PDB file of N, CA and C in Angstrom:
ATOM      1  N   MET A   1     -17.249 124.630 258.441  1.00  0.00           N
ATOM      2  CA  MET A   1     -16.889 124.770 259.841  1.00  0.00           C
ATOM      3  C   MET A   1     -17.062 126.234 260.235  1.00  0.00           C
ATOM      4  N   ASN A   2     -17.678 126.438 261.377  1.00  0.00           N
ATOM      5  CA  ASN A   2     -17.903 127.794 261.876  1.00  0.00           C
ATOM      6  C   ASN A   2     -16.635 128.336 262.522  1.00  0.00           C
ATOM      7  N   PRO A   3     -16.393 129.642 262.386  1.00  0.00           N
ATOM      8  CA  PRO A   3     -15.216 130.221 263.051  1.00  0.00           C
ATOM      9  C   PRO A   3     -15.390 130.176 264.565  1.00  0.00           C
ATOM     10  N   PRO A   4     -14.289 130.127 265.303  1.00  0.00           N
ATOM     11  CA  PRO A   4     -14.373 130.111 266.771  1.00  0.00           C
ATOM     12  C   PRO A   4     -15.096 131.354 267.278  1.00  0.00           C
ATOM     13  N   GLN A   5     -15.877 131.178 268.305  1.00  0.00           N
ATOM     14  CA  GLN A   5     -16.626 132.280 268.900  1.00  0.00           C
ATOM     15  C   GLN A   5     -16.084 132.555 270.294  1.00  0.00           C
ATOM     16  N   ARG A   6     -16.118 133.805 270.691  1.00  0.00           N
ATOM     17  CA  ARG A   6     -15.713 134.151 272.057  1.00  0.00           C
ATOM     18  C   ARG A   6     -16.713 133.533 273.021  1.00  0.00           C
ATOM     19  N   ARG A   7     -16.215 132.911 274.044  1.00  0.00           N
ATOM     20  CA  ARG A   7     -17.085 132.228 275.004  1.00  0.00           C
ATOM     21  C   ARG A   7     -16.983 132.908 276.352  1.00  0.00           C
ATOM     22  N   PRO A   8     -18.089 132.993 277.063  1.00  0.00           N
ATOM     23  CA  PRO A   8     -18.073 133.698 278.343  1.00  0.00           C
ATOM     24  C   PRO A   8     -17.222 133.034 279.418  1.00  0.00           C
ATOM     25  N   VAL A   9     -16.856 131.760 279.248  1.00  0.00           N
ATOM     26  CA  VAL A   9     -16.058 131.092 280.258  1.00  0.00           C
ATOM     27  C   VAL A   9     -14.668 131.724 280.361  1.00  0.00           C
ATOM     28  N   VAL A  10     -14.176 132.299 279.264  1.00  0.00           N
ATOM     29  CA  VAL A  10     -12.906 133.012 279.302  1.00  0.00           C
ATOM     30  C   VAL A  10     -13.244 134.486 279.464  1.00  0.00           C
ATOM     31  N   ARG A  11     -13.243 134.926 280.708  1.00  0.00           N
ATOM     32  CA  ARG A  11     -13.630 136.311 280.965  1.00  0.00           C
ATOM     33  C   ARG A  11     -12.482 137.251 280.637  1.00  0.00           C
ATOM     34  N   ALA A  12     -12.829 138.443 280.272  1.00  0.00           N
ATOM     35  CA  ALA A  12     -11.814 139.451 280.006  1.00  0.00           C
ATOM     36  C   ALA A  12     -11.128 139.812 281.320  1.00  0.00           C
ATOM     37  N   VAL A  13      -9.829 139.898 281.294  1.00  0.00           N
ATOM     38  CA  VAL A  13      -9.060 140.300 282.471  1.00  0.00           C
ATOM     39  C   VAL A  13      -8.250 141.529 282.116  1.00  0.00           C
ATOM     40  N   THR A  14      -8.036 142.374 283.086  1.00  0.00           N
ATOM     41  CA  THR A  14      -7.291 143.595 282.838  1.00  0.00           C
ATOM     42  C   THR A  14      -5.793 143.357 282.981  1.00  0.00           C
ATOM     43  N   PHE A  15      -5.034 144.240 282.410  1.00  0.00           N
ATOM     44  CA  PHE A  15      -3.586 144.212 282.522  1.00  0.00           C
ATOM     45  C   PHE A  15      -3.182 144.230 283.992  1.00  0.00           C
ATOM     46  N   GLU A  16      -3.876 145.032 284.785  1.00  0.00           N
ATOM     47  CA  GLU A  16      -3.566 145.141 286.214  1.00  0.00           C
ATOM     48  C   GLU A  16      -3.881 143.849 286.961  1.00  0.00           C
ATOM     49  N   GLU A  17      -4.991 143.203 286.637  1.00  0.00           N
ATOM     50  CA  GLU A  17      -5.321 141.924 287.281  1.00  0.00           C
ATOM     51  C   GLU A  17      -4.245 140.877 287.010  1.00  0.00           C
ATOM     52  N   VAL A  18      -3.757 140.858 285.782  1.00  0.00           N
ATOM     53  CA  VAL A  18      -2.715 139.901 285.428  1.00  0.00           C
ATOM     54  C   VAL A  18      -1.432 140.224 286.180  1.00  0.00           C
ATOM     55  N   GLY A  19      -1.072 141.497 286.222  1.00  0.00           N
ATOM     56  CA  GLY A  19       0.133 141.900 286.950  1.00  0.00           C
ATOM     57  C   GLY A  19       0.060 141.527 288.417  1.00  0.00           C
ATOM     58  N   ASP A  20      -1.102 141.718 289.023  1.00  0.00           N
ATOM     59  CA  ASP A  20      -1.283 141.331 290.430  1.00  0.00           C
ATOM     60  C   ASP A  20      -1.137 139.824 290.606  1.00  0.00           C
ATOM     61  N   ALA A  21      -1.725 139.064 289.679  1.00  0.00           N
ATOM     62  CA  ALA A  21      -1.633 137.599 289.750  1.00  0.00           C
ATOM     63  C   ALA A  21      -0.184 137.143 289.604  1.00  0.00           C
ATOM     64  N   ILE A  22       0.537 137.747 288.674  1.00  0.00           N
ATOM     65  CA  ILE A  22       1.945 137.385 288.493  1.00  0.00           C
ATOM     66  C   ILE A  22       2.724 137.661 289.764  1.00  0.00           C
ATOM     67  N   GLY A  23       2.502 138.826 290.353  1.00  0.00           N
ATOM     68  CA  GLY A  23       3.218 139.185 291.582  1.00  0.00           C
ATOM     69  C   GLY A  23       2.972 138.197 292.703  1.00  0.00           C
ATOM     70  N   ARG A  24       1.710 137.803 292.880  1.00  0.00           N
ATOM     71  CA  ARG A  24       1.392 136.826 293.925  1.00  0.00           C
ATOM     72  C   ARG A  24       2.057 135.483 293.641  1.00  0.00           C
ATOM     73  N   LEU A  25       2.026 135.060 292.377  1.00  0.00           N
ATOM     74  CA  LEU A  25       2.624 133.773 292.029  1.00  0.00           C
ATOM     75  C   LEU A  25       4.144 133.797 292.174  1.00  0.00           C
ATOM     76  N   ILE A  26       4.768 134.893 291.805  1.00  0.00           N
ATOM     77  CA  ILE A  26       6.220 134.993 291.976  1.00  0.00           C
ATOM     78  C   ILE A  26       6.581 134.926 293.448  1.00  0.00           C
ATOM     79  N   ASP A  27       5.838 135.643 294.287  1.00  0.00           N
ATOM     80  CA  ASP A  27       6.097 135.581 295.733  1.00  0.00           C
ATOM     81  C   ASP A  27       5.993 134.146 296.235  1.00  0.00           C
ATOM     82  N   LEU A  28       4.984 133.434 295.787  1.00  0.00           N
ATOM     83  CA  LEU A  28       4.797 132.046 296.211  1.00  0.00           C
ATOM     84  C   LEU A  28       5.915 131.151 295.675  1.00  0.00           C
ATOM     85  N   ALA A  29       6.298 131.348 294.416  1.00  0.00           N
ATOM     86  CA  ALA A  29       7.367 130.528 293.831  1.00  0.00           C
ATOM     87  C   ALA A  29       8.702 130.749 294.545  1.00  0.00           C
ATOM     88  N   ARG A  30       8.915 131.914 295.086  1.00  0.00           N
ATOM     89  CA  ARG A  30      10.158 132.219 295.816  1.00  0.00           C
ATOM     90  C   ARG A  30      10.166 131.604 297.210  1.00  0.00           C
ATOM     91  N   SER A  31       9.003 131.232 297.703  1.00  0.00           N
ATOM     92  CA  SER A  31       8.898 130.730 299.071  1.00  0.00           C
ATOM     93  C   SER A  31       9.234 129.242 299.135  1.00  0.00           C
ATOM     94  N   LYS A  32       9.062 128.678 300.293  1.00  0.00           N
ATOM     95  CA  LYS A  32       9.410 127.268 300.521  1.00  0.00           C
ATOM     96  C   LYS A  32       8.175 126.446 300.896  1.00  0.00           C
ATOM     97  N   THR A  33       7.044 126.711 300.262  1.00  0.00           N
ATOM     98  CA  THR A  33       5.849 125.936 300.553  1.00  0.00           C
ATOM     99  C   THR A  33       5.801 124.697 299.657  1.00  0.00           C
ATOM    100  N   GLY A  34       4.887 123.815 299.946  1.00  0.00           N
ATOM    101  CA  GLY A  34       4.742 122.610 299.139  1.00  0.00           C
ATOM    102  C   GLY A  34       4.287 122.886 297.718  1.00  0.00           C
ATOM    103  N   GLN A  35       3.673 124.034 297.491  1.00  0.00           N
ATOM    104  CA  GLN A  35       3.166 124.370 296.164  1.00  0.00           C
ATOM    105  C   GLN A  35       4.114 125.267 295.375  1.00  0.00           C
ATOM    106  N   SER A  36       5.198 125.705 296.000  1.00  0.00           N
ATOM    107  CA  SER A  36       6.124 126.634 295.350  1.00  0.00           C
ATOM    108  C   SER A  36       6.692 126.078 294.045  1.00  0.00           C
ATOM    109  N   ARG A  37       7.053 124.813 294.042  1.00  0.00           N
ATOM    110  CA  ARG A  37       7.628 124.205 292.838  1.00  0.00           C
ATOM    111  C   ARG A  37       6.633 124.199 291.691  1.00  0.00           C
ATOM    112  N   LEU A  38       5.366 123.882 291.993  1.00  0.00           N
ATOM    113  CA  LEU A  38       4.347 123.850 290.944  1.00  0.00           C
ATOM    114  C   LEU A  38       4.114 125.237 290.366  1.00  0.00           C
ATOM    115  N   VAL A  39       4.102 126.236 291.237  1.00  0.00           N
ATOM    116  CA  VAL A  39       3.925 127.616 290.788  1.00  0.00           C
ATOM    117  C   VAL A  39       5.125 128.042 289.940  1.00  0.00           C
ATOM    118  N   ALA A  40       6.321 127.704 290.399  1.00  0.00           N
ATOM    119  CA  ALA A  40       7.524 128.011 289.613  1.00  0.00           C
ATOM    120  C   ALA A  40       7.468 127.303 288.263  1.00  0.00           C
ATOM    121  N   ASP A  41       7.023 126.063 288.236  1.00  0.00           N
ATOM    122  CA  ASP A  41       6.901 125.334 286.969  1.00  0.00           C
ATOM    123  C   ASP A  41       5.970 126.078 286.007  1.00  0.00           C
ATOM    124  N   PHE A  42       4.861 126.576 286.523  1.00  0.00           N
ATOM    125  CA  PHE A  42       3.909 127.321 285.696  1.00  0.00           C
ATOM    126  C   PHE A  42       4.554 128.576 285.116  1.00  0.00           C
ATOM    127  N   LEU A  43       5.143 129.380 285.994  1.00  0.00           N
ATOM    128  CA  LEU A  43       5.745 130.642 285.551  1.00  0.00           C
ATOM    129  C   LEU A  43       6.902 130.408 284.581  1.00  0.00           C
ATOM    130  N   LEU A  44       7.746 129.434 284.888  1.00  0.00           N
ATOM    131  CA  LEU A  44       8.912 129.195 284.050  1.00  0.00           C
ATOM    132  C   LEU A  44       8.540 128.558 282.710  1.00  0.00           C
ATOM    133  N   ALA A  45       7.484 127.775 282.678  1.00  0.00           N
ATOM    134  CA  ALA A  45       7.007 127.233 281.401  1.00  0.00           C
ATOM    135  C   ALA A  45       6.502 128.359 280.510  1.00  0.00           C
ATOM    136  N   TRP A  46       5.841 129.340 281.101  1.00  0.00           N
ATOM    137  CA  TRP A  46       5.376 130.503 280.350  1.00  0.00           C
ATOM    138  C   TRP A  46       6.576 131.324 279.876  1.00  0.00           C
ATOM    139  N   TRP A  47       7.540 131.516 280.748  1.00  0.00           N
ATOM    140  CA  TRP A  47       8.724 132.327 280.444  1.00  0.00           C
ATOM    141  C   TRP A  47       9.518 131.729 279.276  1.00  0.00           C
ATOM    142  N   ASN A  48       9.773 130.405 279.346  1.00  0.00           N
ATOM    143  CA  ASN A  48      10.525 129.736 278.278  1.00  0.00           C
ATOM    144  C   ASN A  48      10.411 128.226 278.482  1.00  0.00           C
ATOM    145  N   GLY A  49       9.335 127.671 277.971  1.00  0.00           N
ATOM    146  CA  GLY A  49       9.074 126.250 278.153  1.00  0.00           C
ATOM    147  C   GLY A  49      10.125 125.339 277.538  1.00  0.00           C
ATOM    148  N   GLU A  50      10.721 125.766 276.442  1.00  0.00           N
ATOM    149  CA  GLU A  50      11.745 124.941 275.797  1.00  0.00           C
ATOM    150  C   GLU A  50      12.937 124.707 276.718  1.00  0.00           C
ATOM    151  N   ASP A  51      13.356 125.732 277.432  1.00  0.00           N
ATOM    152  CA  ASP A  51      14.510 125.613 278.320  1.00  0.00           C
ATOM    153  C   ASP A  51      14.137 125.238 279.749  1.00  0.00           C
ATOM    154  N   ASN A  52      12.959 125.638 280.205  1.00  0.00           N
ATOM    155  CA  ASN A  52      12.598 125.487 281.611  1.00  0.00           C
ATOM    156  C   ASN A  52      11.594 124.380 281.887  1.00  0.00           C
ATOM    157  N   GLY A  53      11.153 123.688 280.866  1.00  0.00           N
ATOM    158  CA  GLY A  53      10.181 122.618 281.060  1.00  0.00           C
ATOM    159  C   GLY A  53       8.760 123.127 280.926  1.00  0.00           C
ATOM    160  N   HIS A  54       7.872 122.212 280.776  1.00  0.00           N
ATOM    161  CA  HIS A  54       6.475 122.555 280.557  1.00  0.00           C
ATOM    162  C   HIS A  54       5.662 122.344 281.827  1.00  0.00           C
ATOM    163  N   PHE A  55       4.455 122.871 281.829  1.00  0.00           N
ATOM    164  CA  PHE A  55       3.565 122.807 282.983  1.00  0.00           C
ATOM    165  C   PHE A  55       2.414 121.856 282.682  1.00  0.00           C
ATOM    166  N   PRO A  56       2.394 120.692 283.325  1.00  0.00           N
ATOM    167  CA  PRO A  56       1.279 119.770 283.115  1.00  0.00           C
ATOM    168  C   PRO A  56      -0.040 120.377 283.622  1.00  0.00           C
ATOM    169  N   ILE A  57      -1.050 120.377 282.785  1.00  0.00           N
ATOM    170  CA  ILE A  57      -2.352 120.951 283.149  1.00  0.00           C
ATOM    171  C   ILE A  57      -2.886 120.343 284.447  1.00  0.00           C
ATOM    172  N   LEU A  58      -2.625 119.085 284.686  1.00  0.00           N
ATOM    173  CA  LEU A  58      -3.105 118.425 285.901  1.00  0.00           C
ATOM    174  C   LEU A  58      -2.607 119.118 287.169  1.00  0.00           C
ATOM    175  N   HIS A  59      -1.508 119.851 287.076  1.00  0.00           N
ATOM    176  CA  HIS A  59      -1.008 120.575 288.253  1.00  0.00           C
ATOM    177  C   HIS A  59      -2.007 121.609 288.758  1.00  0.00           C
ATOM    178  N   LEU A  60      -2.930 122.050 287.913  1.00  0.00           N
ATOM    179  CA  LEU A  60      -3.969 122.972 288.390  1.00  0.00           C
ATOM    180  C   LEU A  60      -4.787 122.333 289.508  1.00  0.00           C
ATOM    181  N   CYS A  61      -4.903 121.017 289.480  1.00  0.00           N
ATOM    182  CA  CYS A  61      -5.641 120.290 290.522  1.00  0.00           C
ATOM    183  C   CYS A  61      -4.811 120.113 291.790  1.00  0.00           C
ATOM    184  N   ASN A  62      -3.515 120.375 291.696  1.00  0.00           N
ATOM    185  CA  ASN A  62      -2.606 120.117 292.813  1.00  0.00           C
ATOM    186  C   ASN A  62      -2.178 121.369 293.556  1.00  0.00           C
ATOM    187  N   VAL A  63      -2.818 122.480 293.247  1.00  0.00           N
ATOM    188  CA  VAL A  63      -2.567 123.719 293.987  1.00  0.00           C
ATOM    189  C   VAL A  63      -3.890 124.195 294.572  1.00  0.00           C
ATOM    190  N   ASP A  64      -3.807 125.063 295.570  1.00  0.00           N
ATOM    191  CA  ASP A  64      -5.019 125.631 296.155  1.00  0.00           C
ATOM    192  C   ASP A  64      -5.817 126.376 295.087  1.00  0.00           C
ATOM    193  N   ALA A  65      -7.121 126.447 295.271  1.00  0.00           N
ATOM    194  CA  ALA A  65      -8.006 127.070 294.282  1.00  0.00           C
ATOM    195  C   ALA A  65      -7.616 128.521 293.994  1.00  0.00           C
ATOM    196  N   ILE A  66      -7.219 129.263 294.985  1.00  0.00           N
ATOM    197  CA  ILE A  66      -6.861 130.667 294.780  1.00  0.00           C
ATOM    198  C   ILE A  66      -5.601 130.789 293.925  1.00  0.00           C
ATOM    199  N   ILE A  67      -4.686 129.849 294.065  1.00  0.00           N
ATOM    200  CA  ILE A  67      -3.471 129.837 293.244  1.00  0.00           C
ATOM    201  C   ILE A  67      -3.841 129.466 291.807  1.00  0.00           C
ATOM    202  N   ALA A  68      -4.685 128.456 291.651  1.00  0.00           N
ATOM    203  CA  ALA A  68      -5.136 128.060 290.314  1.00  0.00           C
ATOM    204  C   ALA A  68      -5.860 129.225 289.638  1.00  0.00           C
ATOM    205  N   GLU A  69      -6.609 129.990 290.402  1.00  0.00           N
ATOM    206  CA  GLU A  69      -7.316 131.144 289.827  1.00  0.00           C
ATOM    207  C   GLU A  69      -6.325 132.171 289.289  1.00  0.00           C
ATOM    208  N   ASP A  70      -5.236 132.412 290.002  1.00  0.00           N
ATOM    209  CA  ASP A  70      -4.223 133.335 289.492  1.00  0.00           C
ATOM    210  C   ASP A  70      -3.613 132.792 288.194  1.00  0.00           C
ATOM    211  N   MET A  71      -3.364 131.491 288.137  1.00  0.00           N
ATOM    212  CA  MET A  71      -2.838 130.894 286.914  1.00  0.00           C
ATOM    213  C   MET A  71      -3.834 131.045 285.770  1.00  0.00           C
ATOM    214  N   LEU A  72      -5.110 130.808 286.063  1.00  0.00           N
ATOM    215  CA  LEU A  72      -6.143 130.926 285.042  1.00  0.00           C
ATOM    216  C   LEU A  72      -6.336 132.370 284.593  1.00  0.00           C
ATOM    217  N   THR A  73      -6.121 133.320 285.491  1.00  0.00           N
ATOM    218  CA  THR A  73      -6.187 134.734 285.110  1.00  0.00           C
ATOM    219  C   THR A  73      -5.137 135.032 284.047  1.00  0.00           C
ATOM    220  N   ILE A  74      -3.939 134.521 284.263  1.00  0.00           N
ATOM    221  CA  ILE A  74      -2.866 134.709 283.285  1.00  0.00           C
ATOM    222  C   ILE A  74      -3.222 134.010 281.977  1.00  0.00           C
ATOM    223  N   MET A  75      -3.724 132.788 282.062  1.00  0.00           N
ATOM    224  CA  MET A  75      -4.091 132.057 280.849  1.00  0.00           C
ATOM    225  C   MET A  75      -5.218 132.752 280.094  1.00  0.00           C
ATOM    226  N   ALA A  76      -6.187 133.327 280.824  1.00  0.00           N
ATOM    227  CA  ALA A  76      -7.275 134.055 280.164  1.00  0.00           C
ATOM    228  C   ALA A  76      -6.717 135.245 279.391  1.00  0.00           C
ATOM    229  N   HIS A  77      -5.755 135.930 279.983  1.00  0.00           N
ATOM    230  CA  HIS A  77      -5.135 137.066 279.298  1.00  0.00           C
ATOM    231  C   HIS A  77      -4.403 136.592 278.044  1.00  0.00           C
ATOM    232  N   LEU A  78      -3.673 135.489 278.161  1.00  0.00           N
ATOM    233  CA  LEU A  78      -2.949 134.962 277.010  1.00  0.00           C
ATOM    234  C   LEU A  78      -3.900 134.512 275.902  1.00  0.00           C
ATOM    235  N   ALA A  79      -5.102 134.091 276.269  1.00  0.00           N
ATOM    236  CA  ALA A  79      -6.088 133.667 275.279  1.00  0.00           C
ATOM    237  C   ALA A  79      -6.679 134.843 274.513  1.00  0.00           C
ATOM    238  N   GLN A  80      -6.602 136.040 275.078  1.00  0.00           N
ATOM    239  CA  GLN A  80      -7.233 137.194 274.430  1.00  0.00           C
ATOM    240  C   GLN A  80      -6.251 138.207 273.878  1.00  0.00           C
ATOM    241  N   GLU A  81      -4.966 138.033 274.148  1.00  0.00           N
ATOM    242  CA  GLU A  81      -3.958 138.999 273.716  1.00  0.00           C
ATOM    243  C   GLU A  81      -2.853 138.298 272.931  1.00  0.00           C
ATOM    244  N   PRO A  82      -2.081 139.063 272.180  1.00  0.00           N
ATOM    245  CA  PRO A  82      -0.912 138.462 271.528  1.00  0.00           C
ATOM    246  C   PRO A  82       0.080 137.967 272.578  1.00  0.00           C
ATOM    247  N   THR A  83       1.047 137.215 272.146  1.00  0.00           N
ATOM    248  CA  THR A  83       2.039 136.658 273.054  1.00  0.00           C
ATOM    249  C   THR A  83       2.682 137.754 273.884  1.00  0.00           C
ATOM    250  N   VAL A  84       2.667 137.546 275.179  1.00  0.00           N
ATOM    251  CA  VAL A  84       3.246 138.501 276.121  1.00  0.00           C
ATOM    252  C   VAL A  84       3.861 137.707 277.269  1.00  0.00           C
ATOM    253  N   TYR A  85       4.894 138.255 277.861  1.00  0.00           N
ATOM    254  CA  TYR A  85       5.625 137.572 278.924  1.00  0.00           C
ATOM    255  C   TYR A  85       5.663 138.442 280.172  1.00  0.00           C
ATOM    256  N   PRO A  86       6.066 137.879 281.317  1.00  0.00           N
ATOM    257  CA  PRO A  86       6.040 138.626 282.586  1.00  0.00           C
ATOM    258  C   PRO A  86       6.833 139.930 282.584  1.00  0.00           C
ATOM    259  N   ASP A  87       7.811 140.051 281.704  1.00  0.00           N
ATOM    260  CA  ASP A  87       8.567 141.298 281.692  1.00  0.00           C
ATOM    261  C   ASP A  87       7.721 142.483 281.231  1.00  0.00           C
ATOM    262  N   ALA A  88       6.580 142.243 280.581  1.00  0.00           N
ATOM    263  CA  ALA A  88       5.670 143.335 280.212  1.00  0.00           C
ATOM    264  C   ALA A  88       5.128 144.043 281.456  1.00  0.00           C
ATOM    265  N   TRP A  89       5.153 143.347 282.586  1.00  0.00           N
ATOM    266  CA  TRP A  89       4.694 143.915 283.861  1.00  0.00           C
ATOM    267  C   TRP A  89       5.880 144.287 284.754  1.00  0.00           C
ATOM    268  N   GLY A  90       7.080 144.226 284.221  1.00  0.00           N
ATOM    269  CA  GLY A  90       8.264 144.587 284.993  1.00  0.00           C
ATOM    270  C   GLY A  90       8.853 143.460 285.820  1.00  0.00           C
ATOM    271  N   TYR A  91       8.554 142.225 285.488  1.00  0.00           N
ATOM    272  CA  TYR A  91       9.008 141.082 286.276  1.00  0.00           C
ATOM    273  C   TYR A  91      10.180 140.322 285.655  1.00  0.00           C
ATOM    274  N   ARG A  92      10.915 140.927 284.770  1.00  0.00           N
ATOM    275  CA  ARG A  92      12.041 140.240 284.123  1.00  0.00           C
ATOM    276  C   ARG A  92      13.064 139.744 285.145  1.00  0.00           C
ATOM    277  N   ASP A  93      13.503 140.627 286.027  1.00  0.00           N
ATOM    278  CA  ASP A  93      14.506 140.236 287.028  1.00  0.00           C
ATOM    279  C   ASP A  93      13.980 139.130 287.941  1.00  0.00           C
ATOM    280  N   ALA A  94      12.716 139.233 288.330  1.00  0.00           N
ATOM    281  CA  ALA A  94      12.122 138.206 289.197  1.00  0.00           C
ATOM    282  C   ALA A  94      12.080 136.855 288.487  1.00  0.00           C
ATOM    283  N   MET A  95      11.761 136.865 287.204  1.00  0.00           N
ATOM    284  CA  MET A  95      11.720 135.609 286.456  1.00  0.00           C
ATOM    285  C   MET A  95      13.123 135.017 286.316  1.00  0.00           C
ATOM    286  N   GLU A  96      14.093 135.866 286.058  1.00  0.00           N
ATOM    287  CA  GLU A  96      15.470 135.377 285.956  1.00  0.00           C
ATOM    288  C   GLU A  96      15.942 134.786 287.285  1.00  0.00           C
ATOM    289  N   SER A  97      15.506 135.378 288.394  1.00  0.00           N
ATOM    290  CA  SER A  97      15.892 134.821 289.699  1.00  0.00           C
ATOM    291  C   SER A  97      15.206 133.478 289.946  1.00  0.00           C
ATOM    292  N   LEU A  98      13.989 133.291 289.419  1.00  0.00           N
ATOM    293  CA  LEU A  98      13.323 131.992 289.543  1.00  0.00           C
ATOM    294  C   LEU A  98      14.053 130.913 288.737  1.00  0.00           C
ATOM    295  N   VAL A  99      14.590 131.292 287.595  1.00  0.00           N
ATOM    296  CA  VAL A  99      15.383 130.343 286.804  1.00  0.00           C
ATOM    297  C   VAL A  99      16.564 129.871 287.628  1.00  0.00           C
ATOM    298  N   VAL A 100      17.245 130.815 288.266  1.00  0.00           N
ATOM    299  CA  VAL A 100      18.411 130.471 289.093  1.00  0.00           C
ATOM    300  C   VAL A 100      17.970 129.591 290.265  1.00  0.00           C
ATOM    301  N   GLN A 101      16.881 129.976 290.936  1.00  0.00           N
ATOM    302  CA  GLN A 101      16.421 129.244 292.114  1.00  0.00           C
ATOM    303  C   GLN A 101      15.952 127.830 291.768  1.00  0.00           C
ATOM    304  N   TRP A 102      15.193 127.673 290.695  1.00  0.00           N
ATOM    305  CA  TRP A 102      14.529 126.403 290.425  1.00  0.00           C
ATOM    306  C   TRP A 102      15.177 125.557 289.331  1.00  0.00           C
ATOM    307  N   ARG A 103      15.961 126.158 288.455  1.00  0.00           N
ATOM    308  CA  ARG A 103      16.499 125.382 287.350  1.00  0.00           C
ATOM    309  C   ARG A 103      18.018 125.248 287.365  1.00  0.00           C
ATOM    310  N   LEU A 104      18.711 126.186 287.983  1.00  0.00           N
ATOM    311  CA  LEU A 104      20.161 126.142 287.960  1.00  0.00           C
ATOM    312  C   LEU A 104      20.776 125.664 289.260  1.00  0.00           C
ATOM    313  N   SER A 105      19.932 125.417 290.253  1.00  0.00           N
ATOM    314  CA  SER A 105      20.480 124.984 291.554  1.00  0.00           C
ATOM    315  C   SER A 105      20.305 123.497 291.767  1.00  0.00           C
TER     316      SER A 105
END
């Protein structure tokens, strides 16, 4: 069996691109749009899927393309880097507030 090869479909993303994507998604998850719950599900599954639930991949089809792109930017980063969470970009408090908003209320 050949070892896995890097594929161009997973493009390299910068730390800043990921931070920007997280910020946009957190803003959306805090809002009251029809897609806010799905975005919160994505972020909270990344934050702690065991406690906050998991994110069904099919939900990528249920959000606007630009939102899915932000999610995929984060996933691309996770595919190329060791395990990292939103607090690496300074979003710990924002993530904790999403837990309160979406899981404890």
